[in-house]
Amino acid sequence: MNICLFPGTFDPITLGHTDVIDRALDLFDKLVIGIGYNSAKQPMFPLEQRMEWIRQHYKNDSRVEVASYQGLTIDFCRKINARFILRGIRGVGDFEYEKAIADVNRTMEPTVETIFLTCTPQYASIASTLVRDIHRHGGDVSPFIPAAVLEGIKSLQK
């Protein structure tokens, strides 16, 4: 079975993320969206909420699983038997950063391959950081996030 891990903080998951996930689904038997704990980041939304939004969005696709993990991404790949890591690329800056991580991961575990998918142009500028800033300042985030996330954010504001 070809298992792929798509790691990130997904705070929140955006249409850019779902664009990459949706296009990757036909490449793998199972895609695990792994929400990693990053000590350098303070998430806006709780882990369980982020996981639930992803589950809701992909509730009709049995190929998608959601999990959380701490530690090295490559160790989590070993734990779930993932042979691939999926990374979305918005631009050249993303590629340089992601390539460096892929090279380190390949050194630590040569059997795990990183796959890069470029974002569809209409989603290339969407970043969770921007979505959080818009939300924090009362702006409309609906053009940038899946319906399940928008509904969840609205219910948190009540």
N, C-alpha and C. Protein backbone atom coordinates (compact mmCIF):
# COMPACT_ATOMS: atom_id res chain seq x y z
N MET A 1 0.84 -1.18 0.00
CA MET A 1 0.00 0.00 0.00
C MET A 1 0.88 1.24 0.00
N ASN A 2 0.60 2.16 -0.91
CA ASN A 2 1.34 3.42 -0.98
C ASN A 2 0.69 4.44 -0.05
N ILE A 3 1.37 4.66 1.09
CA ILE A 3 0.88 5.61 2.09
C ILE A 3 1.72 6.88 1.99
N CYS A 4 1.03 8.03 2.00
CA CYS A 4 1.70 9.32 1.92
C CYS A 4 1.30 10.16 3.12
N LEU A 5 2.27 10.86 3.68
CA LEU A 5 2.02 11.79 4.77
C LEU A 5 2.07 13.21 4.23
N PHE A 6 1.05 14.00 4.54
CA PHE A 6 1.06 15.43 4.23
C PHE A 6 1.14 16.14 5.58
N PRO A 7 2.37 16.53 5.98
CA PRO A 7 2.54 17.14 7.30
C PRO A 7 2.34 18.65 7.27
N GLY A 8 1.92 19.19 8.39
CA GLY A 8 1.77 20.63 8.52
C GLY A 8 1.08 20.96 9.82
N THR A 9 0.86 22.26 10.05
CA THR A 9 0.12 22.67 11.23
C THR A 9 -1.36 22.89 10.89
N PHE A 10 -1.65 23.23 9.65
CA PHE A 10 -3.04 23.37 9.18
C PHE A 10 -3.85 24.23 10.15
N ASP A 11 -3.35 25.43 10.39
CA ASP A 11 -3.93 26.33 11.39
C ASP A 11 -4.45 27.61 10.74
N PRO A 12 -5.56 27.53 10.01
CA PRO A 12 -6.39 26.37 9.67
C PRO A 12 -6.01 25.80 8.31
N ILE A 13 -6.64 24.67 7.97
CA ILE A 13 -6.49 24.14 6.62
C ILE A 13 -7.13 25.14 5.67
N THR A 14 -6.50 25.36 4.52
CA THR A 14 -6.98 26.34 3.54
C THR A 14 -7.34 25.64 2.23
N LEU A 15 -7.90 26.42 1.33
CA LEU A 15 -8.19 25.89 0.00
C LEU A 15 -6.90 25.56 -0.76
N GLY A 16 -5.81 26.22 -0.40
CA GLY A 16 -4.51 25.85 -0.98
C GLY A 16 -4.11 24.45 -0.56
N HIS A 17 -4.29 24.14 0.72
CA HIS A 17 -4.00 22.78 1.20
C HIS A 17 -4.89 21.76 0.51
N THR A 18 -6.20 22.04 0.48
CA THR A 18 -7.12 21.06 -0.08
C THR A 18 -6.90 20.87 -1.58
N ASP A 19 -6.45 21.91 -2.25
CA ASP A 19 -6.11 21.80 -3.68
C ASP A 19 -4.99 20.76 -3.86
N VAL A 20 -3.96 20.85 -3.06
CA VAL A 20 -2.83 19.92 -3.14
C VAL A 20 -3.29 18.51 -2.76
N ILE A 21 -4.05 18.41 -1.67
CA ILE A 21 -4.53 17.09 -1.23
C ILE A 21 -5.40 16.44 -2.29
N ASP A 22 -6.36 17.19 -2.81
CA ASP A 22 -7.29 16.63 -3.80
C ASP A 22 -6.56 16.12 -5.03
N ARG A 23 -5.55 16.84 -5.48
CA ARG A 23 -4.81 16.40 -6.67
C ARG A 23 -3.87 15.25 -6.37
N ALA A 24 -3.48 15.09 -5.10
CA ALA A 24 -2.57 13.99 -4.73
C ALA A 24 -3.31 12.68 -4.47
N LEU A 25 -4.60 12.75 -4.23
CA LEU A 25 -5.33 11.55 -3.83
C LEU A 25 -5.24 10.41 -4.84
N ASP A 26 -5.20 10.70 -6.10
CA ASP A 26 -5.11 9.63 -7.09
C ASP A 26 -3.72 9.01 -7.19
N LEU A 27 -2.76 9.61 -6.52
CA LEU A 27 -1.38 9.10 -6.58
C LEU A 27 -1.08 8.06 -5.50
N PHE A 28 -1.91 8.02 -4.45
CA PHE A 28 -1.62 7.18 -3.30
C PHE A 28 -2.85 6.38 -2.88
N ASP A 29 -2.60 5.27 -2.20
CA ASP A 29 -3.71 4.48 -1.67
C ASP A 29 -4.32 5.13 -0.44
N LYS A 30 -3.45 5.76 0.36
CA LYS A 30 -3.91 6.44 1.57
C LYS A 30 -3.08 7.70 1.77
N LEU A 31 -3.76 8.78 2.14
CA LEU A 31 -3.07 10.02 2.43
C LEU A 31 -3.38 10.40 3.88
N VAL A 32 -2.34 10.48 4.69
CA VAL A 32 -2.48 10.85 6.10
C VAL A 32 -2.12 12.32 6.23
N ILE A 33 -3.09 13.10 6.67
CA ILE A 33 -2.82 14.50 6.95
C ILE A 33 -2.34 14.55 8.39
N GLY A 34 -1.06 14.82 8.54
CA GLY A 34 -0.43 14.78 9.86
C GLY A 34 -0.24 16.18 10.42
N ILE A 35 -0.92 16.45 11.51
CA ILE A 35 -0.75 17.74 12.15
C ILE A 35 0.36 17.61 13.17
N GLY A 36 1.46 18.24 12.85
CA GLY A 36 2.63 18.14 13.71
C GLY A 36 2.66 19.25 14.75
N TYR A 37 3.23 18.92 15.88
CA TYR A 37 3.45 19.91 16.93
C TYR A 37 4.75 20.62 16.63
N ASN A 38 4.69 21.94 16.53
CA ASN A 38 5.87 22.75 16.25
C ASN A 38 6.06 23.71 17.41
N SER A 39 7.12 23.52 18.17
CA SER A 39 7.34 24.35 19.36
C SER A 39 7.58 25.82 19.01
N ALA A 40 7.92 26.10 17.77
CA ALA A 40 8.15 27.48 17.35
C ALA A 40 6.86 28.19 16.97
N LYS A 41 5.75 27.47 16.91
CA LYS A 41 4.49 28.07 16.51
C LYS A 41 3.47 27.96 17.64
N GLN A 42 2.70 29.02 17.79
CA GLN A 42 1.59 29.02 18.75
C GLN A 42 0.30 29.05 17.93
N PRO A 43 -0.37 27.90 17.79
CA PRO A 43 -1.54 27.87 16.92
C PRO A 43 -2.70 28.71 17.45
N MET A 44 -3.48 29.24 16.51
CA MET A 44 -4.67 30.01 16.85
C MET A 44 -5.82 29.08 17.24
N PHE A 45 -5.90 27.94 16.54
CA PHE A 45 -7.01 27.02 16.75
C PHE A 45 -6.51 25.75 17.42
N PRO A 46 -7.29 25.20 18.35
CA PRO A 46 -6.87 23.98 19.06
C PRO A 46 -6.68 22.79 18.10
N LEU A 47 -5.77 21.91 18.46
CA LEU A 47 -5.46 20.74 17.65
C LEU A 47 -6.71 19.94 17.29
N GLU A 48 -7.53 19.62 18.28
CA GLU A 48 -8.73 18.80 18.01
C GLU A 48 -9.67 19.50 17.03
N GLN A 49 -9.75 20.82 17.11
CA GLN A 49 -10.61 21.57 16.19
C GLN A 49 -10.07 21.47 14.76
N ARG A 50 -8.76 21.63 14.61
CA ARG A 50 -8.15 21.53 13.28
C ARG A 50 -8.35 20.12 12.70
N MET A 51 -8.19 19.12 13.54
CA MET A 51 -8.39 17.74 13.08
C MET A 51 -9.84 17.52 12.65
N GLU A 52 -10.76 18.04 13.43
CA GLU A 52 -12.19 17.86 13.12
C GLU A 52 -12.56 18.55 11.81
N TRP A 53 -12.03 19.73 11.57
CA TRP A 53 -12.31 20.43 10.31
C TRP A 53 -11.85 19.60 9.11
N ILE A 54 -10.68 18.99 9.23
CA ILE A 54 -10.17 18.17 8.13
C ILE A 54 -11.03 16.92 7.97
N ARG A 55 -11.38 16.29 9.08
CA ARG A 55 -12.26 15.11 9.01
C ARG A 55 -13.58 15.45 8.35
N GLN A 56 -14.16 16.58 8.71
CA GLN A 56 -15.43 17.00 8.12
C GLN A 56 -15.29 17.23 6.62
N HIS A 57 -14.23 17.89 6.23
CA HIS A 57 -14.04 18.19 4.81
C HIS A 57 -13.88 16.90 3.99
N TYR A 58 -13.20 15.92 4.54
CA TYR A 58 -12.93 14.67 3.81
C TYR A 58 -13.75 13.49 4.31
N LYS A 59 -14.89 13.76 4.93
CA LYS A 59 -15.70 12.69 5.52
C LYS A 59 -16.17 11.66 4.50
N ASN A 60 -16.24 11.99 3.25
CA ASN A 60 -16.71 11.06 2.23
C ASN A 60 -15.58 10.40 1.44
N ASP A 61 -14.36 10.55 1.90
CA ASP A 61 -13.22 9.96 1.19
C ASP A 61 -12.41 9.09 2.16
N SER A 62 -12.57 7.79 2.05
CA SER A 62 -11.91 6.86 2.97
C SER A 62 -10.40 6.81 2.79
N ARG A 63 -9.89 7.40 1.72
CA ARG A 63 -8.44 7.41 1.51
C ARG A 63 -7.73 8.42 2.40
N VAL A 64 -8.48 9.33 3.02
CA VAL A 64 -7.89 10.39 3.83
C VAL A 64 -8.04 10.07 5.31
N GLU A 65 -6.93 10.16 6.03
CA GLU A 65 -6.94 10.03 7.48
C GLU A 65 -6.28 11.27 8.07
N VAL A 66 -6.62 11.55 9.31
CA VAL A 66 -6.03 12.69 10.02
C VAL A 66 -5.39 12.16 11.29
N ALA A 67 -4.18 12.62 11.57
CA ALA A 67 -3.48 12.21 12.79
C ALA A 67 -2.65 13.39 13.28
N SER A 68 -2.26 13.31 14.54
CA SER A 68 -1.33 14.31 15.08
C SER A 68 -0.07 13.59 15.53
N TYR A 69 1.01 14.34 15.58
CA TYR A 69 2.27 13.73 16.00
C TYR A 69 3.20 14.78 16.56
N GLN A 70 4.18 14.31 17.33
CA GLN A 70 5.25 15.15 17.84
C GLN A 70 6.56 14.55 17.40
N GLY A 71 7.57 15.36 17.32
CA GLY A 71 8.89 14.86 16.95
C GLY A 71 9.14 15.01 15.47
N LEU A 72 10.09 14.23 15.01
CA LEU A 72 10.51 14.31 13.61
C LEU A 72 9.45 13.73 12.67
N THR A 73 9.22 14.43 11.59
CA THR A 73 8.28 13.96 10.59
C THR A 73 8.71 12.61 10.04
N ILE A 74 9.99 12.41 9.85
CA ILE A 74 10.48 11.16 9.27
C ILE A 74 10.21 9.99 10.24
N ASP A 75 10.27 10.25 11.54
CA ASP A 75 9.93 9.21 12.51
C ASP A 75 8.45 8.86 12.43
N PHE A 76 7.60 9.87 12.22
CA PHE A 76 6.17 9.59 12.08
C PHE A 76 5.91 8.81 10.80
N CYS A 77 6.65 9.09 9.73
CA CYS A 77 6.53 8.29 8.51
C CYS A 77 6.82 6.82 8.79
N ARG A 78 7.86 6.56 9.55
CA ARG A 78 8.19 5.18 9.91
C ARG A 78 7.05 4.54 10.69
N LYS A 79 6.48 5.29 11.63
CA LYS A 79 5.42 4.77 12.49
C LYS A 79 4.18 4.37 11.68
N ILE A 80 3.83 5.16 10.68
CA ILE A 80 2.61 4.88 9.90
C ILE A 80 2.91 4.16 8.58
N ASN A 81 4.17 3.78 8.38
CA ASN A 81 4.61 3.08 7.17
C ASN A 81 4.40 3.90 5.90
N ALA A 82 4.58 5.21 6.02
CA ALA A 82 4.47 6.08 4.85
C ALA A 82 5.78 6.05 4.08
N ARG A 83 5.67 5.83 2.79
CA ARG A 83 6.85 5.83 1.92
C ARG A 83 7.02 7.16 1.19
N PHE A 84 6.03 8.06 1.38
CA PHE A 84 6.05 9.33 0.69
C PHE A 84 5.65 10.46 1.64
N ILE A 85 6.24 11.62 1.40
CA ILE A 85 5.84 12.86 2.07
C ILE A 85 5.39 13.80 0.97
N LEU A 86 4.23 14.39 1.16
CA LEU A 86 3.67 15.35 0.20
C LEU A 86 3.92 16.76 0.70
N ARG A 87 4.39 17.63 -0.19
CA ARG A 87 4.57 19.03 0.15
C ARG A 87 4.02 19.89 -0.99
N GLY A 88 3.30 20.93 -0.61
CA GLY A 88 2.78 21.88 -1.59
C GLY A 88 3.76 23.02 -1.77
N ILE A 89 3.89 23.44 -3.02
CA ILE A 89 4.83 24.52 -3.36
C ILE A 89 4.04 25.68 -3.94
N ARG A 90 4.12 26.84 -3.29
CA ARG A 90 3.44 28.03 -3.80
C ARG A 90 4.34 28.84 -4.71
N GLY A 91 5.65 28.81 -4.45
CA GLY A 91 6.58 29.60 -5.24
C GLY A 91 8.01 29.14 -5.03
N VAL A 92 8.94 29.87 -5.61
CA VAL A 92 10.35 29.50 -5.57
C VAL A 92 10.88 29.44 -4.13
N GLY A 93 10.46 30.39 -3.30
CA GLY A 93 10.91 30.40 -1.90
C GLY A 93 10.50 29.13 -1.18
N ASP A 94 9.27 28.68 -1.41
CA ASP A 94 8.81 27.43 -0.81
C ASP A 94 9.68 26.27 -1.27
N PHE A 95 10.00 26.25 -2.57
CA PHE A 95 10.77 25.12 -3.10
C PHE A 95 12.13 25.02 -2.42
N GLU A 96 12.83 26.13 -2.29
CA GLU A 96 14.16 26.09 -1.68
C GLU A 96 14.09 25.57 -0.25
N TYR A 97 13.14 26.05 0.52
CA TYR A 97 12.97 25.62 1.91
C TYR A 97 12.59 24.14 1.97
N GLU A 98 11.60 23.74 1.17
CA GLU A 98 11.12 22.36 1.18
C GLU A 98 12.17 21.38 0.66
N LYS A 99 12.96 21.79 -0.32
CA LYS A 99 14.01 20.92 -0.84
C LYS A 99 15.05 20.62 0.23
N ALA A 100 15.40 21.63 1.02
CA ALA A 100 16.37 21.41 2.10
C ALA A 100 15.84 20.39 3.10
N ILE A 101 14.56 20.51 3.45
CA ILE A 101 13.96 19.54 4.38
C ILE A 101 13.92 18.15 3.75
N ALA A 102 13.55 18.09 2.47
CA ALA A 102 13.49 16.79 1.78
C ALA A 102 14.87 16.13 1.74
N ASP A 103 15.91 16.92 1.52
CA ASP A 103 17.27 16.37 1.48
C ASP A 103 17.67 15.79 2.83
N VAL A 104 17.34 16.49 3.91
CA VAL A 104 17.65 15.99 5.25
C VAL A 104 16.85 14.72 5.54
N ASN A 105 15.56 14.75 5.19
CA ASN A 105 14.73 13.55 5.42
C ASN A 105 15.27 12.35 4.64
N ARG A 106 15.69 12.58 3.40
CA ARG A 106 16.22 11.49 2.58
C ARG A 106 17.51 10.94 3.17
N THR A 107 18.31 11.80 3.77
CA THR A 107 19.54 11.35 4.43
C THR A 107 19.20 10.47 5.64
N MET A 108 18.17 10.89 6.40
CA MET A 108 17.78 10.11 7.59
C MET A 108 17.06 8.82 7.23
N GLU A 109 16.30 8.84 6.12
CA GLU A 109 15.52 7.67 5.72
C GLU A 109 15.41 7.63 4.20
N PRO A 110 16.38 6.95 3.54
CA PRO A 110 16.40 6.93 2.07
C PRO A 110 15.19 6.28 1.41
N THR A 111 14.41 5.51 2.16
CA THR A 111 13.25 4.84 1.56
C THR A 111 12.01 5.73 1.50
N VAL A 112 12.06 6.92 2.10
CA VAL A 112 10.93 7.85 2.07
C VAL A 112 11.24 8.95 1.06
N GLU A 113 10.35 9.09 0.10
CA GLU A 113 10.53 10.08 -0.98
C GLU A 113 9.58 11.24 -0.78
N THR A 114 10.08 12.46 -0.98
CA THR A 114 9.23 13.64 -0.90
C THR A 114 8.71 13.98 -2.29
N ILE A 115 7.40 14.21 -2.36
CA ILE A 115 6.74 14.56 -3.62
C ILE A 115 6.28 16.00 -3.49
N PHE A 116 6.63 16.83 -4.47
CA PHE A 116 6.21 18.23 -4.49
C PHE A 116 5.11 18.42 -5.51
N LEU A 117 4.04 19.09 -5.10
CA LEU A 117 2.99 19.50 -6.03
C LEU A 117 2.87 21.01 -5.94
N THR A 118 2.86 21.65 -7.09
CA THR A 118 2.66 23.09 -7.09
C THR A 118 1.18 23.39 -6.92
N CYS A 119 0.91 24.50 -6.29
CA CYS A 119 -0.48 24.92 -6.08
C CYS A 119 -1.07 25.40 -7.41
N THR A 120 -2.35 25.18 -7.54
CA THR A 120 -3.07 25.77 -8.65
C THR A 120 -2.94 27.29 -8.50
N PRO A 121 -2.71 28.02 -9.61
CA PRO A 121 -2.44 29.46 -9.50
C PRO A 121 -3.43 30.25 -8.63
N GLN A 122 -4.70 29.92 -8.68
CA GLN A 122 -5.67 30.70 -7.89
C GLN A 122 -5.48 30.53 -6.39
N TYR A 123 -4.73 29.50 -5.97
CA TYR A 123 -4.52 29.26 -4.54
C TYR A 123 -3.08 29.54 -4.10
N ALA A 124 -2.23 29.95 -5.02
CA ALA A 124 -0.81 30.09 -4.72
C ALA A 124 -0.49 31.15 -3.67
N SER A 125 -1.36 32.10 -3.48
CA SER A 125 -1.10 33.15 -2.49
C SER A 125 -1.72 32.89 -1.13
N ILE A 126 -2.48 31.82 -1.02
CA ILE A 126 -3.17 31.54 0.25
C ILE A 126 -2.19 30.88 1.22
N ALA A 127 -2.12 31.44 2.41
CA ALA A 127 -1.31 30.87 3.48
C ALA A 127 -2.12 30.94 4.77
N SER A 128 -1.97 29.95 5.61
CA SER A 128 -2.68 29.94 6.89
C SER A 128 -2.38 31.20 7.69
N THR A 129 -1.15 31.68 7.63
CA THR A 129 -0.76 32.89 8.36
C THR A 129 -1.63 34.07 7.92
N LEU A 130 -1.83 34.22 6.61
CA LEU A 130 -2.66 35.31 6.11
C LEU A 130 -4.11 35.13 6.54
N VAL A 131 -4.60 33.91 6.48
CA VAL A 131 -5.98 33.63 6.90
C VAL A 131 -6.16 33.99 8.38
N ARG A 132 -5.21 33.61 9.21
CA ARG A 132 -5.30 33.95 10.64
C ARG A 132 -5.30 35.47 10.85
N ASP A 133 -4.46 36.18 10.11
CA ASP A 133 -4.41 37.64 10.24
C ASP A 133 -5.73 38.28 9.82
N ILE A 134 -6.29 37.81 8.72
CA ILE A 134 -7.58 38.33 8.26
C ILE A 134 -8.65 38.07 9.33
N HIS A 135 -8.68 36.85 9.83
CA HIS A 135 -9.66 36.47 10.85
C HIS A 135 -9.48 37.30 12.13
N ARG A 136 -8.25 37.43 12.56
CA ARG A 136 -7.93 38.17 13.79
C ARG A 136 -8.43 39.61 13.72
N HIS A 137 -8.43 40.18 12.51
CA HIS A 137 -8.83 41.57 12.34
C HIS A 137 -10.26 41.71 11.82
N GLY A 138 -11.04 40.63 11.91
CA GLY A 138 -12.46 40.70 11.57
C GLY A 138 -12.78 40.67 10.10
N GLY A 139 -11.82 40.29 9.26
CA GLY A 139 -12.06 40.24 7.82
C GLY A 139 -12.77 38.96 7.40
N ASP A 140 -13.16 38.91 6.15
CA ASP A 140 -13.88 37.77 5.58
C ASP A 140 -12.88 36.73 5.08
N VAL A 141 -12.84 35.58 5.72
CA VAL A 141 -11.91 34.52 5.33
C VAL A 141 -12.55 33.50 4.39
N SER A 142 -13.82 33.68 4.07
CA SER A 142 -14.55 32.68 3.28
C SER A 142 -13.92 32.36 1.92
N PRO A 143 -13.24 33.29 1.23
CA PRO A 143 -12.64 32.90 -0.06
C PRO A 143 -11.41 31.99 0.06
N PHE A 144 -10.95 31.76 1.28
CA PHE A 144 -9.67 31.08 1.47
C PHE A 144 -9.75 29.73 2.17
N ILE A 145 -10.90 29.38 2.73
CA ILE A 145 -10.99 28.17 3.55
C ILE A 145 -12.18 27.31 3.14
N PRO A 146 -12.09 26.00 3.41
CA PRO A 146 -13.22 25.11 3.12
C PRO A 146 -14.44 25.46 3.98
N ALA A 147 -15.61 25.05 3.51
CA ALA A 147 -16.87 25.35 4.20
C ALA A 147 -16.87 24.85 5.65
N ALA A 148 -16.33 23.66 5.89
CA ALA A 148 -16.31 23.11 7.26
C ALA A 148 -15.53 24.01 8.21
N VAL A 149 -14.46 24.61 7.72
CA VAL A 149 -13.66 25.50 8.56
C VAL A 149 -14.43 26.80 8.80
N LEU A 150 -15.04 27.34 7.75
CA LEU A 150 -15.81 28.57 7.89
C LEU A 150 -16.94 28.39 8.91
N GLU A 151 -17.66 27.28 8.80
CA GLU A 151 -18.74 27.00 9.76
C GLU A 151 -18.18 26.88 11.18
N GLY A 152 -17.03 26.21 11.31
CA GLY A 152 -16.41 26.04 12.62
C GLY A 152 -15.96 27.36 13.23
N ILE A 153 -15.39 28.22 12.40
CA ILE A 153 -14.95 29.52 12.89
C ILE A 153 -16.14 30.36 13.33
N LYS A 154 -17.21 30.32 12.55
CA LYS A 154 -18.42 31.07 12.91
C LYS A 154 -19.00 30.58 14.22
N SER A 155 -18.99 29.26 14.44
CA SER A 155 -19.55 28.72 15.68
C SER A 155 -18.66 29.06 16.88
N LEU A 156 -17.36 29.23 16.67
CA LEU A 156 -16.46 29.64 17.76
C LEU A 156 -16.70 31.08 18.18
N GLN A 157 -17.20 31.90 17.24
CA GLN A 157 -17.41 33.31 17.52
C GLN A 157 -18.70 33.56 18.29
N LYS A 158 -19.57 32.58 18.36
CA LYS A 158 -20.87 32.77 19.04
C LYS A 158 -20.71 32.74 20.54
